[in-house]
């Protein structure tokens, strides 16, 4: 059967999750999204559902967003034009059901109901946010017993059985439900919060998630989200989004331990175009800092890919190509701060001093646009968006090609 893929709402993430086989997350897969609070896990769940709703035209796609943490307070109607929580498939069940599961056993039953209600021809996403918010039946019974003993003035000293959830997940849920996904156009998405691993040495991973070893075994994809940098508008101290890195811990597509970074804004969602431009032109540093010099001079027109980059090495080569221009630049900088060394930011100011310099610069690097200008242009022009996706795909696959062992085919 042909593998179908669910779009994520971000072309770079589609490449990342597609693993060279397609664009997006493969249907039939179980995916675990791990990370601290506020790292974009819930946002990606919403983006997946919204992207598929619009991609599939809404008539052959159903979903269930299990908001166990009561944290999915995004206005998805305003963000994406679809009421995600109001469109959950289980709301259509003839019997009145709770809005969310309390226990892992209830989650198991609700996923079975979801698969039963979902027409075999439809695509579906069952998204649990999060596994950590769910208890188990044993713990609920213990809580009730504790209350009753307390009311009688007695001490409740029965031992704690913290492994009940992990045992159920291991022996029943993951084994049974992942088998049901096979042959169905359904994705099981599970969010896991991270916590510190007590006693871990400096050589061991210091973070862990709940669910036990079975979760790691049965998941097809496990990715970890790490916030890299808060996003703010220039001149403002208010945070309006984050720059996030997602790292693959487990994948069954042959591309191991890949990383990708994306931008998301709380009032917009994942910034697809901005993410692609950031990747294509290295607009942000490894630490997430916005590179103003690069962001202010992005060449886009045809043939721009073959033009030199306007980084320090590029502007140095442009200046050194003409001794008169180089000498004039050194005098220009000396008047500014008493120095003569080449600095990319002062070159940007220097080239604006005469029309001839600006023309020479544009002939060398191409006609530049700023990051924000180019992002808006592409968002409004489908042809430019298609070209952007093409360029991002080519760069991503070129990186993958360079990572190959080069040993060729082993047999045949």
Protein backbone atom coordinates (compact mmCIF):
# COMPACT_ATOMS: atom_id res chain seq x y z
CA UNK A 1 0.00 0.00 0.00
CA UNK A 2 1.25 3.46 -0.89
CA UNK A 3 2.45 5.44 2.13
CA UNK A 4 0.53 8.67 2.69
CA UNK A 5 1.96 11.57 4.70
CA UNK A 6 0.39 14.19 6.96
CA UNK A 7 1.63 17.73 6.37
CA UNK A 8 2.88 19.65 9.40
CA UNK A 9 2.18 23.17 8.12
CA UNK A 10 5.91 23.77 7.64
CA UNK A 11 7.85 22.65 4.56
CA UNK A 12 11.14 22.25 6.42
CA UNK A 13 9.48 20.03 9.04
CA UNK A 14 7.79 18.05 6.26
CA UNK A 15 11.25 17.33 4.84
CA UNK A 16 12.55 16.51 8.29
CA UNK A 17 9.79 14.04 9.20
CA UNK A 18 9.46 12.64 5.67
CA UNK A 19 12.94 11.12 5.87
CA UNK A 20 13.44 11.20 2.10
CA UNK A 21 10.32 9.09 1.47
CA UNK A 22 7.73 11.85 1.35
CA UNK A 23 6.66 15.16 2.87
CA UNK A 24 5.37 15.05 6.42
CA UNK A 25 4.63 12.37 9.01
CA UNK A 26 3.74 8.96 7.56
CA UNK A 27 0.23 7.69 8.24
CA UNK A 28 0.21 4.46 10.22
CA UNK A 29 2.99 5.77 12.49
CA UNK A 30 3.07 6.41 16.23
CA UNK A 31 5.04 9.55 17.05
CA UNK A 32 6.24 10.77 20.45
CA UNK A 33 6.83 14.52 20.87
CA UNK A 34 9.03 15.12 23.92
CA UNK A 35 10.06 18.38 25.50
CA UNK A 36 9.56 20.91 28.26
CA UNK A 37 6.45 23.06 28.55
CA UNK A 38 6.22 25.85 25.98
CA UNK A 39 8.55 24.20 23.47
CA UNK A 40 6.02 23.90 20.63
CA UNK A 41 4.73 20.33 21.03
CA UNK A 42 1.06 21.29 21.37
CA UNK A 43 1.44 23.86 18.62
CA UNK A 44 2.72 21.17 16.25
CA UNK A 45 -0.27 18.99 17.10
CA UNK A 46 -2.61 21.83 16.18
CA UNK A 47 -0.63 22.61 13.03
CA UNK A 48 -0.76 18.99 11.86
CA UNK A 49 -4.53 18.82 12.28
CA UNK A 50 -5.13 22.22 10.67
CA UNK A 51 -2.76 21.51 7.76
CA UNK A 52 -4.39 18.15 7.05
CA UNK A 53 -7.88 19.60 7.40
CA UNK A 54 -7.14 22.12 4.65
CA UNK A 55 -4.92 19.78 2.60
CA UNK A 56 -7.56 17.03 2.59
CA UNK A 57 -10.33 19.60 1.96
CA UNK A 58 -11.96 18.69 5.27
CA UNK A 59 -14.18 15.94 3.85
CA UNK A 60 -11.96 12.89 4.29
CA UNK A 61 -10.08 13.74 7.44
CA UNK A 62 -11.06 13.40 11.11
CA UNK A 63 -9.21 13.98 14.33
CA UNK A 64 -9.29 13.73 18.11
CA UNK A 65 -7.24 16.12 20.21
CA UNK A 66 -7.19 14.74 23.77
CA UNK A 67 -6.42 17.81 25.87
CA UNK A 68 -5.55 16.07 29.13
CA UNK A 69 -3.63 19.08 30.45
CA UNK A 70 -6.33 21.64 29.56
CA UNK A 71 -3.55 23.49 27.81
CA UNK A 72 -4.87 23.66 24.25
CA UNK A 73 -6.24 27.16 24.67
CA UNK A 74 -5.15 28.35 21.23
CA UNK A 75 -7.87 30.10 19.25
CA UNK A 76 -7.56 27.69 16.34
CA UNK A 77 -10.54 29.20 14.53
CA UNK A 78 -8.72 32.53 14.38
CA UNK A 79 -5.30 30.96 13.70
CA UNK A 80 -6.26 28.30 11.17
CA UNK A 81 -9.92 28.68 10.26
CA UNK A 82 -10.94 25.44 12.01
CA UNK A 83 -12.25 24.79 15.52
CA UNK A 84 -10.02 21.88 16.50
CA UNK A 85 -11.45 21.11 19.94
CA UNK A 86 -15.00 21.58 18.66
CA UNK A 87 -14.39 19.27 15.73
CA UNK A 88 -13.19 16.23 17.67
CA UNK A 89 -14.63 13.03 16.19
CA UNK A 90 -15.71 11.54 19.53
CA UNK A 91 -18.12 14.44 20.00
CA UNK A 92 -20.23 12.76 17.33
CA UNK A 93 -20.54 9.54 19.33
CA UNK A 94 -24.18 8.67 20.05
CA UNK A 95 -23.46 8.25 23.76
CA UNK A 96 -22.33 11.20 25.83
CA UNK A 97 -18.60 10.91 26.48
CA UNK A 98 -16.26 12.94 28.66
CA UNK A 99 -14.38 15.69 26.86
CA UNK A 100 -11.06 14.03 27.71
CA UNK A 101 -9.66 10.84 29.24
CA UNK A 102 -8.53 10.72 32.86
CA UNK A 103 -6.66 7.44 32.79
CA UNK A 104 -4.50 5.49 30.38
CA UNK A 105 -7.24 2.85 30.32
CA UNK A 106 -9.75 5.48 29.16
CA UNK A 107 -7.30 6.67 26.51
CA UNK A 108 -7.07 3.11 25.24
CA UNK A 109 -10.85 2.81 25.01
CA UNK A 110 -11.23 6.21 23.35
CA UNK A 111 -8.60 5.42 20.71
CA UNK A 112 -10.45 2.17 19.93
CA UNK A 113 -13.70 4.15 19.61
CA UNK A 114 -11.96 6.68 17.36
CA UNK A 115 -10.73 3.93 15.05
CA UNK A 116 -14.22 2.39 15.02
CA UNK A 117 -15.95 5.68 14.16
CA UNK A 118 -13.38 6.69 11.54
CA UNK A 119 -14.46 5.51 8.06
CA UNK A 120 -11.84 3.19 6.55
CA UNK A 121 -11.42 5.57 3.62
CA UNK A 122 -10.68 8.58 5.86
CA UNK A 123 -7.41 9.91 7.21
CA UNK A 124 -7.19 10.47 10.96
CA UNK A 125 -4.99 11.90 13.71
CA UNK A 126 -5.42 10.89 17.36
CA UNK A 127 -3.35 13.31 19.46
CA UNK A 128 -2.76 12.88 23.21
CA UNK A 129 -1.61 16.00 25.07
CA UNK A 130 -0.14 14.71 27.23
CA UNK A 131 0.61 11.20 28.48
CA UNK A 132 1.82 12.69 31.77
CA UNK A 133 -1.64 14.12 32.50
CA UNK A 134 -3.19 10.65 32.60
CA UNK A 135 -3.33 8.48 35.70
CA UNK A 136 -4.53 4.86 35.89
CA UNK A 137 -7.49 3.08 37.48
CA UNK A 138 -5.42 1.77 40.39
CA UNK A 139 -4.38 5.30 41.33
CA UNK A 140 -7.97 6.53 41.14
CA UNK A 141 -9.09 3.72 43.47
CA UNK A 142 -6.24 4.53 45.85
CA UNK A 143 -7.25 8.19 45.85
CA UNK A 144 -10.83 7.27 46.77
CA UNK A 145 -9.64 4.90 49.51
CA UNK A 146 -7.33 7.59 50.86
CA UNK A 147 -10.26 9.99 51.12
CA UNK A 148 -12.45 7.45 52.91
CA UNK A 149 -9.72 6.58 55.42
CA UNK A 150 -9.02 10.25 56.04
CA UNK A 151 -12.72 10.92 56.78
CA UNK A 152 -12.61 8.12 59.37
CA UNK A 153 -9.56 9.69 60.98
CA UNK A 154 -7.32 6.82 59.95
CA UNK A 155 -3.91 6.80 58.30
CA UNK A 156 -3.72 5.44 54.76
CA UNK A 157 -0.37 3.70 54.60
CA UNK A 158 -0.80 1.28 51.71
CA UNK A 159 2.29 1.09 49.50
CA UNK A 160 2.49 3.09 46.28
CA UNK A 161 2.36 1.19 43.02
CA UNK A 162 3.73 3.74 40.61
CA UNK A 163 4.34 1.21 37.85
CA UNK A 164 0.67 0.52 37.10
CA UNK A 165 0.48 2.98 34.19
CA UNK A 166 3.74 1.82 32.65
CA UNK A 167 2.67 -1.81 33.00
CA UNK A 168 -0.65 -1.19 31.25
CA UNK A 169 1.02 0.80 28.49
CA UNK A 170 3.64 -1.90 28.01
CA UNK A 171 1.47 -4.98 28.10
CA UNK A 172 -1.69 -3.70 26.48
CA UNK A 173 -1.92 -0.21 25.02
CA UNK A 174 1.15 0.14 22.80
CA UNK A 175 1.22 -3.49 21.71
CA UNK A 176 -2.48 -3.58 20.75
CA UNK A 177 -3.03 -0.08 19.42
CA UNK A 178 0.09 0.18 17.24
CA UNK A 179 -0.99 -3.09 15.62
CA UNK A 180 -4.36 -1.50 14.83
CA UNK A 181 -2.60 1.40 13.09
CA UNK A 182 -1.09 -0.92 10.53
CA UNK A 183 -3.04 -0.63 7.30
CA UNK A 184 -5.02 2.38 8.57
CA UNK A 185 -4.47 5.98 7.50
CA UNK A 186 -4.15 7.09 11.12
CA UNK A 187 -1.37 8.77 13.10
CA UNK A 188 -1.07 8.33 16.87
CA UNK A 189 0.62 11.39 18.33
CA UNK A 190 1.64 11.43 22.00
CA UNK A 191 3.09 14.40 23.86
CA UNK A 192 5.50 13.66 26.72
CA UNK A 193 6.77 16.22 29.20
CA UNK A 194 10.39 15.88 30.29
CA UNK A 195 11.76 15.77 33.80
CA UNK A 196 15.20 15.45 35.31
CA UNK A 197 16.62 11.98 35.83
CA UNK A 198 17.70 11.84 39.47
CA UNK A 199 21.21 10.51 39.97
CA UNK A 200 22.27 10.75 36.33
CA UNK A 201 25.99 11.27 35.87
CA UNK A 202 27.41 13.97 33.62
CA UNK A 203 27.90 11.29 30.95
CA UNK A 204 24.24 10.22 30.95
CA UNK A 205 21.19 11.90 29.49
CA UNK A 206 19.80 14.00 32.35
CA UNK A 207 16.21 14.20 31.07
CA UNK A 208 13.61 11.47 30.78
CA UNK A 209 9.93 10.99 29.95
CA UNK A 210 7.19 8.84 31.46
CA UNK A 211 5.70 5.73 29.85
CA UNK A 212 8.51 3.28 30.43
CA UNK A 213 10.71 1.45 27.93
CA UNK A 214 7.69 0.10 26.04
CA UNK A 215 6.87 3.58 24.76
CA UNK A 216 10.33 3.94 23.26
CA UNK A 217 10.09 0.48 21.72
CA UNK A 218 6.69 0.88 20.06
CA UNK A 219 7.05 4.46 18.87
CA UNK A 220 8.02 4.76 15.19
CA UNK A 221 9.30 8.30 15.69
CA UNK A 222 10.62 10.00 18.84
CA UNK A 223 11.63 13.64 18.69
CA UNK A 224 12.72 16.10 21.37
CA UNK A 225 11.90 19.81 21.31
CA UNK A 226 14.33 22.39 22.72
CA UNK A 227 13.62 26.15 22.80
CA UNK A 228 16.66 27.97 21.41
CA UNK A 229 15.68 31.63 21.56
CA UNK A 230 12.72 33.80 22.52
CA UNK A 231 11.38 35.86 19.62
CA UNK A 232 10.72 39.60 19.98
CA UNK A 233 9.98 42.42 17.58
CA UNK A 234 12.80 44.89 17.14
CA UNK A 235 12.48 47.62 19.76
CA UNK A 236 10.21 45.53 22.00
CA UNK A 237 10.98 43.54 25.14
CA UNK A 238 7.83 41.43 24.87
CA UNK A 239 8.20 37.80 23.80
CA UNK A 240 5.85 36.80 20.97
CA UNK A 241 7.25 33.41 19.97
CA UNK A 242 10.18 31.01 20.12
CA UNK A 243 12.87 29.59 17.87
CA UNK A 244 12.78 25.82 18.45
CA UNK A 245 15.11 22.94 17.62
CA UNK A 246 13.63 19.49 17.09
CA UNK A 247 15.98 16.51 17.29
CA UNK A 248 15.19 12.98 16.17
CA UNK A 249 16.03 10.32 18.77
CA UNK A 250 14.34 7.47 16.91
CA UNK A 251 13.23 7.08 13.32
CA UNK A 252 12.55 4.13 11.05
CA UNK A 253 13.34 5.89 7.79
CA UNK A 254 17.13 5.42 7.80
CA UNK A 255 17.97 9.04 8.52
CA UNK A 256 19.20 9.06 12.11
CA UNK A 257 19.49 11.84 14.66
CA UNK A 258 18.57 14.68 12.31
CA UNK A 259 17.85 18.19 13.58
CA UNK A 260 15.68 20.99 12.26
CA UNK A 261 14.80 24.42 13.60
CA UNK A 262 11.56 26.31 13.21
CA UNK A 263 9.96 29.61 14.20
CA UNK A 264 6.57 29.80 15.83
CA UNK A 265 4.54 32.77 17.03
CA UNK A 266 1.76 32.53 19.58
CA UNK A 267 -0.58 34.66 17.45
CA UNK A 268 0.25 32.98 14.14
CA UNK A 269 1.48 29.43 14.61
CA UNK A 270 4.51 27.95 12.88
CA UNK A 271 6.10 30.45 10.50
CA UNK A 272 6.57 28.26 7.42
CA UNK A 273 8.15 30.88 5.15
CA UNK A 274 10.28 32.45 7.88
CA UNK A 275 11.56 29.00 8.88
CA UNK A 276 12.53 28.21 5.29
CA UNK A 277 14.29 31.56 4.78
CA UNK A 278 16.15 31.13 8.07
CA UNK A 279 17.37 27.70 6.97
CA UNK A 280 18.20 28.74 3.41
CA UNK A 281 20.19 31.87 4.26
CA UNK A 282 21.45 31.08 7.80
CA UNK A 283 19.60 34.09 9.15
CA UNK A 284 20.08 32.95 12.76
CA UNK A 285 23.24 31.80 14.51
CA UNK A 286 23.65 28.49 16.34
CA UNK A 287 22.55 30.22 19.53
CA UNK A 288 19.50 31.65 17.77
CA UNK A 289 20.69 35.24 17.47
CA UNK A 290 19.19 37.17 14.55
CA UNK A 291 21.94 38.07 12.06
CA UNK A 292 20.89 41.56 11.03
CA UNK A 293 23.57 41.96 8.35
CA UNK A 294 22.51 38.80 6.52
CA UNK A 295 18.79 39.38 7.17
CA UNK A 296 18.96 42.85 5.67
CA UNK A 297 20.55 41.73 2.39
CA UNK A 298 18.96 38.56 1.04
CA UNK A 299 19.27 38.09 -2.76
CA UNK A 300 16.28 36.32 -4.30
CA UNK A 301 16.11 36.86 -8.06
CA UNK A 302 16.89 34.14 -10.62
CA UNK A 303 20.49 33.06 -10.40
CA UNK A 304 20.83 34.31 -6.83
CA UNK A 305 21.78 30.84 -5.66
CA UNK A 306 24.96 31.16 -7.71
CA UNK A 307 25.82 34.59 -6.32
CA UNK A 308 28.32 35.04 -3.46
CA UNK A 309 26.89 35.38 0.06
CA UNK A 310 26.93 38.83 1.60
CA UNK A 311 28.69 37.61 4.74
CA UNK A 312 32.10 38.82 5.94
CA UNK A 313 33.97 36.61 3.47
CA UNK A 314 31.74 37.76 0.62
CA UNK A 315 31.96 41.50 1.25
CA UNK A 316 35.71 41.17 1.80
CA UNK A 317 36.09 39.57 -1.63
CA UNK A 318 33.96 42.33 -3.20
CA UNK A 319 36.08 45.08 -1.66
CA UNK A 320 39.39 43.41 -2.51
CA UNK A 321 38.37 43.02 -6.15
CA UNK A 322 38.89 46.78 -6.62
CA UNK A 323 41.71 48.51 -4.72
CA UNK A 324 40.11 51.94 -5.06
CA UNK A 325 36.87 50.69 -3.49
CA UNK A 326 38.83 48.94 -0.72
CA UNK A 327 40.90 52.04 0.10
CA UNK A 328 37.78 54.22 0.10
CA UNK A 329 36.06 51.78 2.48
CA UNK A 330 39.01 51.83 4.89
CA UNK A 331 38.88 55.64 4.99
CA UNK A 332 35.10 55.45 5.49
CA UNK A 333 35.42 53.18 8.51
CA UNK A 334 38.34 55.17 9.95
CA UNK A 335 36.07 58.21 10.08
CA UNK A 336 33.40 56.18 11.90
CA UNK A 337 35.40 54.48 14.67
CA UNK A 338 39.08 54.96 13.89
CA UNK A 339 39.53 51.42 12.57
CA UNK A 340 40.34 50.18 9.09
CA UNK A 341 39.56 46.44 9.26
CA UNK A 342 36.65 45.11 7.21
CA UNK A 343 33.38 44.73 9.12
CA UNK A 344 30.26 43.46 7.36
CA UNK A 345 27.85 45.89 9.02
CA UNK A 346 29.89 48.97 8.04
CA UNK A 347 30.22 47.66 4.48
CA UNK A 348 26.42 47.72 4.29
CA UNK A 349 26.50 51.43 5.18
CA UNK A 350 29.46 52.16 2.93
CA UNK A 351 27.81 50.77 -0.22
CA UNK A 352 24.95 53.24 0.21
CA UNK A 353 27.24 56.28 -0.01
CA UNK A 354 27.16 56.50 -3.84
CA UNK A 355 24.88 55.07 -6.58
CA UNK A 356 27.98 53.60 -8.28
CA UNK A 357 28.90 51.59 -5.18
CA UNK A 358 25.34 50.36 -4.76
CA UNK A 359 25.29 49.27 -8.42
CA UNK A 360 28.64 47.50 -8.06
CA UNK A 361 27.38 45.72 -4.94
CA UNK A 362 24.15 44.58 -6.63
CA UNK A 363 26.04 43.32 -9.68
CA UNK A 364 28.25 41.26 -7.40
CA UNK A 365 25.68 39.92 -4.90
CA UNK A 366 22.36 40.48 -6.66
CA UNK A 367 19.52 42.84 -5.69
CA UNK A 368 18.86 42.20 -1.98
CA UNK A 369 15.67 42.27 0.08
CA UNK A 370 15.29 42.30 3.83
CA UNK A 371 14.14 39.16 5.63
CA UNK A 372 10.79 40.71 6.59
CA UNK A 373 10.17 42.17 3.13
CA UNK A 374 10.95 38.90 1.38
CA UNK A 375 8.87 36.87 3.85
CA UNK A 376 5.78 38.99 3.16
CA UNK A 377 6.33 38.86 -0.61
CA UNK A 378 6.56 35.07 -0.59
CA UNK A 379 3.52 34.67 1.66
CA UNK A 380 1.49 36.62 -0.89
CA UNK A 381 2.92 34.99 -4.05
CA UNK A 382 2.29 31.24 -4.61
CA UNK A 383 4.96 31.11 -7.35
CA UNK A 384 7.60 32.49 -4.99
CA UNK A 385 6.47 30.05 -2.28
CA UNK A 386 6.83 27.14 -4.70
CA UNK A 387 10.31 28.34 -5.64
CA UNK A 388 11.24 28.73 -1.96
CA UNK A 389 10.13 25.15 -1.21
CA UNK A 390 12.20 23.95 -4.17
CA UNK A 391 15.34 25.73 -2.99
CA UNK A 392 14.91 24.49 0.59
CA UNK A 393 14.40 20.92 -0.63
CA UNK A 394 17.53 21.11 -2.79
CA UNK A 395 19.65 22.39 0.10
CA UNK A 396 18.24 19.80 2.53
CA UNK A 397 18.86 16.91 0.13
CA UNK A 398 22.34 18.20 -0.73
CA UNK A 399 23.19 18.06 2.98
CA UNK A 400 21.80 14.52 3.13
CA UNK A 401 23.80 13.51 0.05
CA UNK A 402 27.00 14.81 1.64
CA UNK A 403 26.26 12.71 4.75
CA UNK A 404 26.17 9.39 2.89
CA UNK A 405 28.93 6.84 3.49
CA UNK A 406 29.79 6.68 -0.20
CA UNK A 407 30.14 2.90 -0.06
CA UNK A 408 27.48 2.30 -2.68
CA UNK A 409 25.22 -0.76 -2.85
CA UNK A 410 26.32 -3.78 -0.82
CA UNK A 411 24.68 -6.55 -2.85
CA UNK A 412 23.56 -6.87 -6.46
